[in-house]
Amino acid sequence: MAQSESVFKKGEWVVLKGRYKWIGFITAISYALEEYEVHIVRKEQDNDVSFVNLSIWADFEDTELMESQLSEGNLHQLIDMALDTKDREWFLQLQSMLPKSEELRL
């Protein structure tokens, strides 16, 4: 796959399917190996959901673009996890994804 043929970009939310359904966002791309580095934040199997904080490499062909965006509530949960793990970069990225609210004036 040539570089220009890559569908996904750094920062996009993706799903990796297999034994588990892994949800995360792309942090790096290797065109030579045709792989994405994905920062995984959630793992699902049947009705069991757990939050995780790890990065894995996945083949282009095993990666699907996430169909829907995270809700504001999901973002707050992930922000709490970023704070718990003291991951400043991830915290800032998640915080920037929150909807902007209007400034309150007294």
PDB file of N, CA and C in Angstrom:
ATOM      1  N   MET A   1       0.854  -1.183   0.000  1.00  0.00           N
ATOM      2  CA  MET A   1       0.000   0.000   0.000  1.00  0.00           C
ATOM      3  C   MET A   1       0.894   1.238   0.000  1.00  0.00           C
ATOM      4  N   ALA A   2       0.695   2.108  -0.934  1.00  0.00           N
ATOM      5  CA  ALA A   2       1.475   3.335  -1.004  1.00  0.00           C
ATOM      6  C   ALA A   2       0.991   4.318   0.051  1.00  0.00           C
ATOM      7  N   GLN A   3       1.853   5.229   0.430  1.00  0.00           N
ATOM      8  CA  GLN A   3       1.525   6.196   1.475  1.00  0.00           C
ATOM      9  C   GLN A   3       0.234   6.956   1.159  1.00  0.00           C
ATOM     10  N   SER A   4       0.028   7.332  -0.063  1.00  0.00           N
ATOM     11  CA  SER A   4      -1.149   8.112  -0.421  1.00  0.00           C
ATOM     12  C   SER A   4      -2.436   7.291  -0.353  1.00  0.00           C
ATOM     13  N   GLU A   5      -2.337   5.944  -0.337  1.00  0.00           N
ATOM     14  CA  GLU A   5      -3.514   5.093  -0.290  1.00  0.00           C
ATOM     15  C   GLU A   5      -4.028   4.882   1.127  1.00  0.00           C
ATOM     16  N   SER A   6      -3.274   5.290   2.148  1.00  0.00           N
ATOM     17  CA  SER A   6      -3.677   5.091   3.528  1.00  0.00           C
ATOM     18  C   SER A   6      -4.952   5.872   3.821  1.00  0.00           C
ATOM     19  N   VAL A   7      -5.944   5.179   4.374  1.00  0.00           N
ATOM     20  CA  VAL A   7      -7.228   5.804   4.646  1.00  0.00           C
ATOM     21  C   VAL A   7      -7.197   6.570   5.958  1.00  0.00           C
ATOM     22  N   PHE A   8      -6.526   6.047   6.955  1.00  0.00           N
ATOM     23  CA  PHE A   8      -6.585   6.613   8.294  1.00  0.00           C
ATOM     24  C   PHE A   8      -5.406   7.540   8.561  1.00  0.00           C
ATOM     25  N   LYS A   9      -5.647   8.471   9.476  1.00  0.00           N
ATOM     26  CA  LYS A   9      -4.621   9.450   9.817  1.00  0.00           C
ATOM     27  C   LYS A   9      -4.331   9.385  11.300  1.00  0.00           C
ATOM     28  N   LYS A  10      -3.220   9.939  11.677  1.00  0.00           N
ATOM     29  CA  LYS A  10      -2.841  10.034  13.075  1.00  0.00           C
ATOM     30  C   LYS A  10      -3.928  10.785  13.838  1.00  0.00           C
ATOM     31  N   GLY A  11      -4.329  10.233  14.982  1.00  0.00           N
ATOM     32  CA  GLY A  11      -5.344  10.856  15.812  1.00  0.00           C
ATOM     33  C   GLY A  11      -6.748  10.327  15.586  1.00  0.00           C
ATOM     34  N   GLU A  12      -6.977   9.585  14.494  1.00  0.00           N
ATOM     35  CA  GLU A  12      -8.314   9.058  14.236  1.00  0.00           C
ATOM     36  C   GLU A  12      -8.596   7.859  15.141  1.00  0.00           C
ATOM     37  N   TRP A  13      -9.867   7.733  15.562  1.00  0.00           N
ATOM     38  CA  TRP A  13     -10.306   6.642  16.421  1.00  0.00           C
ATOM     39  C   TRP A  13     -10.612   5.429  15.562  1.00  0.00           C
ATOM     40  N   VAL A  14     -10.095   4.269  15.996  1.00  0.00           N
ATOM     41  CA  VAL A  14     -10.244   3.036  15.231  1.00  0.00           C
ATOM     42  C   VAL A  14     -10.676   1.884  16.135  1.00  0.00           C
ATOM     43  N   VAL A  15     -11.125   0.812  15.481  1.00  0.00           N
ATOM     44  CA  VAL A  15     -11.510  -0.418  16.158  1.00  0.00           C
ATOM     45  C   VAL A  15     -10.660  -1.548  15.587  1.00  0.00           C
ATOM     46  N   LEU A  16     -10.116  -2.374  16.464  1.00  0.00           N
ATOM     47  CA  LEU A  16      -9.380  -3.573  16.070  1.00  0.00           C
ATOM     48  C   LEU A  16     -10.218  -4.758  16.526  1.00  0.00           C
ATOM     49  N   LYS A  17     -10.562  -5.633  15.592  1.00  0.00           N
ATOM     50  CA  LYS A  17     -11.410  -6.763  15.950  1.00  0.00           C
ATOM     51  C   LYS A  17     -10.606  -8.047  15.918  1.00  0.00           C
ATOM     52  N   GLY A  18     -10.983  -8.941  16.773  1.00  0.00           N
ATOM     53  CA  GLY A  18     -10.364 -10.246  16.904  1.00  0.00           C
ATOM     54  C   GLY A  18     -11.074 -10.937  18.046  1.00  0.00           C
ATOM     55  N   ARG A  19     -10.307 -11.555  18.913  1.00  0.00           N
ATOM     56  CA  ARG A  19     -10.909 -12.173  20.097  1.00  0.00           C
ATOM     57  C   ARG A  19     -11.613 -11.113  20.944  1.00  0.00           C
ATOM     58  N   TYR A  20     -11.021  -9.929  21.004  1.00  0.00           N
ATOM     59  CA  TYR A  20     -11.590  -8.790  21.712  1.00  0.00           C
ATOM     60  C   TYR A  20     -11.838  -7.678  20.709  1.00  0.00           C
ATOM     61  N   LYS A  21     -12.680  -6.744  21.090  1.00  0.00           N
ATOM     62  CA  LYS A  21     -12.866  -5.523  20.303  1.00  0.00           C
ATOM     63  C   LYS A  21     -12.071  -4.445  21.028  1.00  0.00           C
ATOM     64  N   TRP A  22     -10.985  -3.991  20.405  1.00  0.00           N
ATOM     65  CA  TRP A  22     -10.118  -2.969  20.987  1.00  0.00           C
ATOM     66  C   TRP A  22     -10.479  -1.624  20.377  1.00  0.00           C
ATOM     67  N   ILE A  23     -10.592  -0.594  21.188  1.00  0.00           N
ATOM     68  CA  ILE A  23     -10.906   0.749  20.702  1.00  0.00           C
ATOM     69  C   ILE A  23      -9.783   1.685  21.128  1.00  0.00           C
ATOM     70  N   GLY A  24      -9.294   2.480  20.177  1.00  0.00           N
ATOM     71  CA  GLY A  24      -8.218   3.412  20.477  1.00  0.00           C
ATOM     72  C   GLY A  24      -8.031   4.404  19.349  1.00  0.00           C
ATOM     73  N   PHE A  25      -6.944   5.158  19.443  1.00  0.00           N
ATOM     74  CA  PHE A  25      -6.668   6.145  18.406  1.00  0.00           C
ATOM     75  C   PHE A  25      -5.245   5.954  17.886  1.00  0.00           C
ATOM     76  N   ILE A  26      -5.048   6.317  16.632  1.00  0.00           N
ATOM     77  CA  ILE A  26      -3.763   6.128  15.959  1.00  0.00           C
ATOM     78  C   ILE A  26      -2.763   7.165  16.453  1.00  0.00           C
ATOM     79  N   THR A  27      -1.580   6.690  16.877  1.00  0.00           N
ATOM     80  CA  THR A  27      -0.535   7.596  17.350  1.00  0.00           C
ATOM     81  C   THR A  27       0.654   7.652  16.401  1.00  0.00           C
ATOM     82  N   ALA A  28       0.808   6.638  15.547  1.00  0.00           N
ATOM     83  CA  ALA A  28       1.913   6.626  14.588  1.00  0.00           C
ATOM     84  C   ALA A  28       1.544   5.702  13.434  1.00  0.00           C
ATOM     85  N   ILE A  29       2.208   5.911  12.302  1.00  0.00           N
ATOM     86  CA  ILE A  29       1.946   5.103  11.115  1.00  0.00           C
ATOM     87  C   ILE A  29       3.281   4.643  10.527  1.00  0.00           C
ATOM     88  N   SER A  30       3.387   3.338  10.232  1.00  0.00           N
ATOM     89  CA  SER A  30       4.547   2.794   9.549  1.00  0.00           C
ATOM     90  C   SER A  30       4.101   2.346   8.161  1.00  0.00           C
ATOM     91  N   TYR A  31       4.438   3.154   7.162  1.00  0.00           N
ATOM     92  CA  TYR A  31       4.057   2.793   5.799  1.00  0.00           C
ATOM     93  C   TYR A  31       4.890   1.624   5.295  1.00  0.00           C
ATOM     94  N   ALA A  32       6.136   1.519   5.737  1.00  0.00           N
ATOM     95  CA  ALA A  32       7.009   0.426   5.305  1.00  0.00           C
ATOM     96  C   ALA A  32       6.466  -0.924   5.777  1.00  0.00           C
ATOM     97  N   LEU A  33       5.967  -0.981   7.019  1.00  0.00           N
ATOM     98  CA  LEU A  33       5.433  -2.232   7.565  1.00  0.00           C
ATOM     99  C   LEU A  33       3.919  -2.348   7.412  1.00  0.00           C
ATOM    100  N   GLU A  34       3.298  -1.282   6.883  1.00  0.00           N
ATOM    101  CA  GLU A  34       1.846  -1.215   6.726  1.00  0.00           C
ATOM    102  C   GLU A  34       1.139  -1.491   8.048  1.00  0.00           C
ATOM    103  N   GLU A  35       1.532  -0.707   9.063  1.00  0.00           N
ATOM    104  CA  GLU A  35       0.965  -0.849  10.394  1.00  0.00           C
ATOM    105  C   GLU A  35       0.676   0.516  11.008  1.00  0.00           C
ATOM    106  N   TYR A  36      -0.311   0.521  11.902  1.00  0.00           N
ATOM    107  CA  TYR A  36      -0.616   1.689  12.718  1.00  0.00           C
ATOM    108  C   TYR A  36      -0.224   1.372  14.152  1.00  0.00           C
ATOM    109  N   GLU A  37       0.328   2.360  14.849  1.00  0.00           N
ATOM    110  CA  GLU A  37       0.460   2.234  16.293  1.00  0.00           C
ATOM    111  C   GLU A  37      -0.831   2.818  16.863  1.00  0.00           C
ATOM    112  N   VAL A  38      -1.517   2.028  17.682  1.00  0.00           N
ATOM    113  CA  VAL A  38      -2.812   2.435  18.221  1.00  0.00           C
ATOM    114  C   VAL A  38      -2.728   2.476  19.738  1.00  0.00           C
ATOM    115  N   HIS A  39      -3.108   3.615  20.312  1.00  0.00           N
ATOM    116  CA  HIS A  39      -3.186   3.745  21.772  1.00  0.00           C
ATOM    117  C   HIS A  39      -4.567   3.240  22.170  1.00  0.00           C
ATOM    118  N   ILE A  40      -4.606   2.061  22.786  1.00  0.00           N
ATOM    119  CA  ILE A  40      -5.857   1.400  23.153  1.00  0.00           C
ATOM    120  C   ILE A  40      -6.361   1.961  24.478  1.00  0.00           C
ATOM    121  N   VAL A  41      -7.650   2.280  24.522  1.00  0.00           N
ATOM    122  CA  VAL A  41      -8.252   2.813  25.746  1.00  0.00           C
ATOM    123  C   VAL A  41      -9.406   1.952  26.261  1.00  0.00           C
ATOM    124  N   ARG A  42      -9.900   1.055  25.420  1.00  0.00           N
ATOM    125  CA  ARG A  42     -11.056   0.248  25.827  1.00  0.00           C
ATOM    126  C   ARG A  42     -10.998  -1.128  25.176  1.00  0.00           C
ATOM    127  N   LYS A  43     -11.360  -2.156  25.944  1.00  0.00           N
ATOM    128  CA  LYS A  43     -11.412  -3.525  25.450  1.00  0.00           C
ATOM    129  C   LYS A  43     -12.788  -4.086  25.751  1.00  0.00           C
ATOM    130  N   GLU A  44     -13.430  -4.694  24.738  1.00  0.00           N
ATOM    131  CA  GLU A  44     -14.758  -5.259  24.910  1.00  0.00           C
ATOM    132  C   GLU A  44     -14.756  -6.717  24.478  1.00  0.00           C
ATOM    133  N   GLN A  45     -15.455  -7.552  25.257  1.00  0.00           N
ATOM    134  CA  GLN A  45     -15.701  -8.933  24.870  1.00  0.00           C
ATOM    135  C   GLN A  45     -17.067  -9.297  25.424  1.00  0.00           C
ATOM    136  N   ASP A  46     -17.997  -9.654  24.534  1.00  0.00           N
ATOM    137  CA  ASP A  46     -19.385  -9.912  24.911  1.00  0.00           C
ATOM    138  C   ASP A  46     -19.919  -8.694  25.664  1.00  0.00           C
ATOM    139  N   ASN A  47     -20.331  -8.848  26.903  1.00  0.00           N
ATOM    140  CA  ASN A  47     -20.843  -7.716  27.679  1.00  0.00           C
ATOM    141  C   ASN A  47     -19.819  -7.185  28.668  1.00  0.00           C
ATOM    142  N   ASP A  48     -18.598  -7.661  28.595  1.00  0.00           N
ATOM    143  CA  ASP A  48     -17.533  -7.238  29.506  1.00  0.00           C
ATOM    144  C   ASP A  48     -16.727  -6.106  28.870  1.00  0.00           C
ATOM    145  N   VAL A  49     -16.719  -4.950  29.537  1.00  0.00           N
ATOM    146  CA  VAL A  49     -15.981  -3.781  29.047  1.00  0.00           C
ATOM    147  C   VAL A  49     -14.960  -3.387  30.097  1.00  0.00           C
ATOM    148  N   SER A  50     -13.727  -3.146  29.649  1.00  0.00           N
ATOM    149  CA  SER A  50     -12.713  -2.655  30.579  1.00  0.00           C
ATOM    150  C   SER A  50     -11.912  -1.551  29.907  1.00  0.00           C
ATOM    151  N   PHE A  51     -11.441  -0.620  30.732  1.00  0.00           N
ATOM    152  CA  PHE A  51     -10.607   0.465  30.233  1.00  0.00           C
ATOM    153  C   PHE A  51      -9.156   0.066  30.398  1.00  0.00           C
ATOM    154  N   VAL A  52      -8.378   0.312  29.374  1.00  0.00           N
ATOM    155  CA  VAL A  52      -6.966  -0.034  29.376  1.00  0.00           C
ATOM    156  C   VAL A  52      -6.163   1.175  28.926  1.00  0.00           C
ATOM    157  N   ASN A  53      -4.873   1.090  29.064  1.00  0.00           N
ATOM    158  CA  ASN A  53      -3.985   2.177  28.663  1.00  0.00           C
ATOM    159  C   ASN A  53      -2.705   1.545  28.111  1.00  0.00           C
ATOM    160  N   LEU A  54      -2.746   1.170  26.826  1.00  0.00           N
ATOM    161  CA  LEU A  54      -1.577   0.539  26.217  1.00  0.00           C
ATOM    162  C   LEU A  54      -1.514   0.870  24.739  1.00  0.00           C
ATOM    163  N   SER A  55      -0.353   0.709  24.169  1.00  0.00           N
ATOM    164  CA  SER A  55      -0.174   0.938  22.739  1.00  0.00           C
ATOM    165  C   SER A  55       0.250  -0.361  22.070  1.00  0.00           C
ATOM    166  N   ILE A  56      -0.346  -0.634  20.911  1.00  0.00           N
ATOM    167  CA  ILE A  56       0.001  -1.823  20.140  1.00  0.00           C
ATOM    168  C   ILE A  56       0.120  -1.437  18.667  1.00  0.00           C
ATOM    169  N   TRP A  57       0.816  -2.281  17.912  1.00  0.00           N
ATOM    170  CA  TRP A  57       0.915  -2.106  16.469  1.00  0.00           C
ATOM    171  C   TRP A  57      -0.075  -3.049  15.810  1.00  0.00           C
ATOM    172  N   ALA A  58      -0.823  -2.546  14.820  1.00  0.00           N
ATOM    173  CA  ALA A  58      -1.827  -3.348  14.123  1.00  0.00           C
ATOM    174  C   ALA A  58      -1.682  -3.153  12.624  1.00  0.00           C
ATOM    175  N   ASP A  59      -1.882  -4.234  11.875  1.00  0.00           N
ATOM    176  CA  ASP A  59      -1.830  -4.164  10.417  1.00  0.00           C
ATOM    177  C   ASP A  59      -2.920  -3.241   9.883  1.00  0.00           C
ATOM    178  N   PHE A  60      -2.632  -2.580   8.766  1.00  0.00           N
ATOM    179  CA  PHE A  60      -3.628  -1.731   8.123  1.00  0.00           C
ATOM    180  C   PHE A  60      -4.934  -2.499   7.924  1.00  0.00           C
ATOM    181  N   GLU A  61      -4.821  -3.749   7.449  1.00  0.00           N
ATOM    182  CA  GLU A  61      -6.015  -4.528   7.099  1.00  0.00           C
ATOM    183  C   GLU A  61      -6.846  -4.953   8.316  1.00  0.00           C
ATOM    184  N   ASP A  62      -6.273  -4.937   9.516  1.00  0.00           N
ATOM    185  CA  ASP A  62      -6.992  -5.327  10.732  1.00  0.00           C
ATOM    186  C   ASP A  62      -7.619  -4.146  11.450  1.00  0.00           C
ATOM    187  N   THR A  63      -7.527  -2.971  10.864  1.00  0.00           N
ATOM    188  CA  THR A  63      -7.965  -1.737  11.512  1.00  0.00           C
ATOM    189  C   THR A  63      -9.148  -1.136  10.769  1.00  0.00           C
ATOM    190  N   GLU A  64     -10.202  -0.804  11.525  1.00  0.00           N
ATOM    191  CA  GLU A  64     -11.391  -0.175  10.945  1.00  0.00           C
ATOM    192  C   GLU A  64     -11.611   1.174  11.603  1.00  0.00           C
ATOM    193  N   LEU A  65     -12.069   2.130  10.827  1.00  0.00           N
ATOM    194  CA  LEU A  65     -12.396   3.446  11.365  1.00  0.00           C
ATOM    195  C   LEU A  65     -13.606   3.306  12.279  1.00  0.00           C
ATOM    196  N   MET A  66     -13.551   3.941  13.436  1.00  0.00           N
ATOM    197  CA  MET A  66     -14.663   3.873  14.372  1.00  0.00           C
ATOM    198  C   MET A  66     -15.860   4.601  13.782  1.00  0.00           C
ATOM    199  N   GLU A  67     -17.023   3.965  13.837  1.00  0.00           N
ATOM    200  CA  GLU A  67     -18.219   4.509  13.197  1.00  0.00           C
ATOM    201  C   GLU A  67     -18.761   5.756  13.862  1.00  0.00           C
ATOM    202  N   SER A  68     -18.746   5.800  15.176  1.00  0.00           N
ATOM    203  CA  SER A  68     -19.322   6.957  15.856  1.00  0.00           C
ATOM    204  C   SER A  68     -18.284   7.623  16.744  1.00  0.00           C
ATOM    205  N   GLN A  69     -18.511   8.876  17.009  1.00  0.00           N
ATOM    206  CA  GLN A  69     -17.616   9.632  17.873  1.00  0.00           C
ATOM    207  C   GLN A  69     -17.920   9.310  19.333  1.00  0.00           C
ATOM    208  N   LEU A  70     -16.957   9.525  20.188  1.00  0.00           N
ATOM    209  CA  LEU A  70     -17.155   9.328  21.612  1.00  0.00           C
ATOM    210  C   LEU A  70     -18.086  10.393  22.167  1.00  0.00           C
ATOM    211  N   SER A  71     -18.915  10.005  23.114  1.00  0.00           N
ATOM    212  CA  SER A  71     -19.798  10.979  23.745  1.00  0.00           C
ATOM    213  C   SER A  71     -18.985  11.820  24.724  1.00  0.00           C
ATOM    214  N   GLU A  72     -19.557  12.925  25.149  1.00  0.00           N
ATOM    215  CA  GLU A  72     -18.874  13.782  26.112  1.00  0.00           C
ATOM    216  C   GLU A  72     -18.616  13.029  27.415  1.00  0.00           C
ATOM    217  N   GLY A  73     -19.568  12.175  27.813  1.00  0.00           N
ATOM    218  CA  GLY A  73     -19.396  11.362  29.022  1.00  0.00           C
ATOM    219  C   GLY A  73     -18.220  10.406  28.904  1.00  0.00           C
ATOM    220  N   ASN A  74     -18.079   9.771  27.709  1.00  0.00           N
ATOM    221  CA  ASN A  74     -16.938   8.884  27.481  1.00  0.00           C
ATOM    222  C   ASN A  74     -15.628   9.650  27.564  1.00  0.00           C
ATOM    223  N   LEU A  75     -15.620  10.861  27.007  1.00  0.00           N
ATOM    224  CA  LEU A  75     -14.400  11.671  27.054  1.00  0.00           C
ATOM    225  C   LEU A  75     -14.021  12.003  28.494  1.00  0.00           C
ATOM    226  N   HIS A  76     -15.005  12.311  29.327  1.00  0.00           N
ATOM    227  CA  HIS A  76     -14.712  12.612  30.731  1.00  0.00           C
ATOM    228  C   HIS A  76     -14.140  11.388  31.440  1.00  0.00           C
ATOM    229  N   GLN A  77     -14.658  10.187  31.135  1.00  0.00           N
ATOM    230  CA  GLN A  77     -14.116   8.961  31.722  1.00  0.00           C
ATOM    231  C   GLN A  77     -12.667   8.751  31.293  1.00  0.00           C
ATOM    232  N   LEU A  78     -12.381   8.982  30.024  1.00  0.00           N
ATOM    233  CA  LEU A  78     -11.018   8.816  29.522  1.00  0.00           C
ATOM    234  C   LEU A  78     -10.087   9.868  30.113  1.00  0.00           C
ATOM    235  N   ILE A  79     -10.587  11.090  30.303  1.00  0.00           N
ATOM    236  CA  ILE A  79      -9.781  12.141  30.926  1.00  0.00           C
ATOM    237  C   ILE A  79      -9.421  11.740  32.354  1.00  0.00           C
ATOM    238  N   ASP A  80     -10.394  11.176  33.079  1.00  0.00           N
ATOM    239  CA  ASP A  80     -10.096  10.689  34.428  1.00  0.00           C
ATOM    240  C   ASP A  80      -9.011   9.617  34.403  1.00  0.00           C
ATOM    241  N   MET A  81      -9.079   8.728  33.404  1.00  0.00           N
ATOM    242  CA  MET A  81      -8.067   7.677  33.291  1.00  0.00           C
ATOM    243  C   MET A  81      -6.701   8.273  32.966  1.00  0.00           C
ATOM    244  N   ALA A  82      -6.669   9.265  32.099  1.00  0.00           N
ATOM    245  CA  ALA A  82      -5.401   9.923  31.770  1.00  0.00           C
ATOM    246  C   ALA A  82      -4.805  10.588  33.007  1.00  0.00           C
ATOM    247  N   LEU A  83      -5.660  11.184  33.836  1.00  0.00           N
ATOM    248  CA  LEU A  83      -5.177  11.787  35.083  1.00  0.00           C
ATOM    249  C   LEU A  83      -4.642  10.713  36.034  1.00  0.00           C
ATOM    250  N   ASP A  84      -5.367   9.597  36.146  1.00  0.00           N
ATOM    251  CA  ASP A  84      -4.930   8.503  37.022  1.00  0.00           C
ATOM    252  C   ASP A  84      -3.570   7.948  36.606  1.00  0.00           C
ATOM    253  N   THR A  85      -3.336   7.889  35.294  1.00  0.00           N
ATOM    254  CA  THR A  85      -2.074   7.340  34.793  1.00  0.00           C
ATOM    255  C   THR A  85      -0.997   8.411  34.609  1.00  0.00           C
ATOM    256  N   LYS A  86      -1.345   9.664  34.949  1.00  0.00           N
ATOM    257  CA  LYS A  86      -0.408  10.800  34.834  1.00  0.00           C
ATOM    258  C   LYS A  86       0.140  10.964  33.409  1.00  0.00           C
ATOM    259  N   ASP A  87      -0.736  10.714  32.420  1.00  0.00           N
ATOM    260  CA  ASP A  87      -0.362  10.841  31.010  1.00  0.00           C
ATOM    261  C   ASP A  87      -0.794  12.218  30.512  1.00  0.00           C
ATOM    262  N   ARG A  88       0.095  13.190  30.651  1.00  0.00           N
ATOM    263  CA  ARG A  88      -0.224  14.585  30.328  1.00  0.00           C
ATOM    264  C   ARG A  88      -0.602  14.775  28.855  1.00  0.00           C
ATOM    265  N   GLU A  89       0.154  14.154  27.958  1.00  0.00           N
ATOM    266  CA  GLU A  89      -0.096  14.319  26.524  1.00  0.00           C
ATOM    267  C   GLU A  89      -1.483  13.792  26.152  1.00  0.00           C
ATOM    268  N   TRP A  90      -1.829  12.620  26.674  1.00  0.00           N
ATOM    269  CA  TRP A  90      -3.131  12.036  26.401  1.00  0.00           C
ATOM    270  C   TRP A  90      -4.234  12.905  27.000  1.00  0.00           C
ATOM    271  N   PHE A  91      -4.029  13.402  28.226  1.00  0.00           N
ATOM    272  CA  PHE A  91      -4.993  14.291  28.875  1.00  0.00           C
ATOM    273  C   PHE A  91      -5.259  15.523  28.007  1.00  0.00           C
ATOM    274  N   LEU A  92      -4.197  16.162  27.526  1.00  0.00           N
ATOM    275  CA  LEU A  92      -4.362  17.368  26.714  1.00  0.00           C
ATOM    276  C   LEU A  92      -5.091  17.069  25.411  1.00  0.00           C
ATOM    277  N   GLN A  93      -4.785  15.912  24.805  1.00  0.00           N
ATOM    278  CA  GLN A  93      -5.450  15.544  23.562  1.00  0.00           C
ATOM    279  C   GLN A  93      -6.948  15.311  23.799  1.00  0.00           C
ATOM    280  N   LEU A  94      -7.278  14.582  24.868  1.00  0.00           N
ATOM    281  CA  LEU A  94      -8.680  14.320  25.178  1.00  0.00           C
ATOM    282  C   LEU A  94      -9.420  15.606  25.533  1.00  0.00           C
ATOM    283  N   GLN A  95      -8.768  16.462  26.295  1.00  0.00           N
ATOM    284  CA  GLN A  95      -9.389  17.728  26.703  1.00  0.00           C
ATOM    285  C   GLN A  95      -9.712  18.587  25.479  1.00  0.00           C
ATOM    286  N   SER A  96      -8.842  18.556  24.484  1.00  0.00           N
ATOM    287  CA  SER A  96      -9.081  19.353  23.274  1.00  0.00           C
ATOM    288  C   SER A  96     -10.258  18.811  22.458  1.00  0.00           C
ATOM    289  N   MET A  97     -10.664  17.564  22.721  1.00  0.00           N
ATOM    290  CA  MET A  97     -11.783  16.958  21.997  1.00  0.00           C
ATOM    291  C   MET A  97     -13.137  17.303  22.611  1.00  0.00           C
ATOM    292  N   LEU A  98     -13.135  17.863  23.822  1.00  0.00           N
ATOM    293  CA  LEU A  98     -14.391  18.233  24.465  1.00  0.00           C
ATOM    294  C   LEU A  98     -15.042  19.386  23.723  1.00  0.00           C
ATOM    295  N   PRO A  99     -16.374  19.395  23.663  1.00  0.00           N
ATOM    296  CA  PRO A  99     -17.048  20.528  23.018  1.00  0.00           C
ATOM    297  C   PRO A  99     -16.734  21.824  23.754  1.00  0.00           C
ATOM    298  N   LYS A 100     -16.549  22.860  22.999  1.00  0.00           N
ATOM    299  CA  LYS A 100     -16.248  24.166  23.594  1.00  0.00           C
ATOM    300  C   LYS A 100     -17.537  24.769  24.133  1.00  0.00           C
ATOM    301  N   SER A 101     -17.497  25.211  25.371  1.00  0.00           N
ATOM    302  CA  SER A 101     -18.674  25.852  25.954  1.00  0.00           C
ATOM    303  C   SER A 101     -18.495  27.361  25.915  1.00  0.00           C
ATOM    304  N   GLU A 102     -19.606  28.069  25.912  1.00  0.00           N
ATOM    305  CA  GLU A 102     -19.544  29.526  25.894  1.00  0.00           C
ATOM    306  C   GLU A 102     -19.052  30.032  27.243  1.00  0.00           C
ATOM    307  N   GLU A 103     -18.279  31.086  27.200  1.00  0.00           N
ATOM    308  CA  GLU A 103     -17.753  31.681  28.419  1.00  0.00           C
ATOM    309  C   GLU A 103     -18.885  32.312  29.219  1.00  0.00           C
ATOM    310  N   LEU A 104     -18.918  32.043  30.507  1.00  0.00           N
ATOM    311  CA  LEU A 104     -19.932  32.647  31.368  1.00  0.00           C
ATOM    312  C   LEU A 104     -19.437  33.996  31.864  1.00  0.00           C
ATOM    313  N   ARG A 105     -20.323  34.946  31.859  1.00  0.00           N
ATOM    314  CA  ARG A 105     -19.966  36.289  32.335  1.00  0.00           C
ATOM    315  C   ARG A 105     -20.936  36.668  33.446  1.00  0.00           C
ATOM    316  N   LEU A 106     -20.393  37.260  34.464  1.00  0.00           N
ATOM    317  CA  LEU A 106     -21.223  37.727  35.586  1.00  0.00           C
ATOM    318  C   LEU A 106     -21.473  39.206  35.486  1.00  0.00           C
TER     319      LEU A 106
END
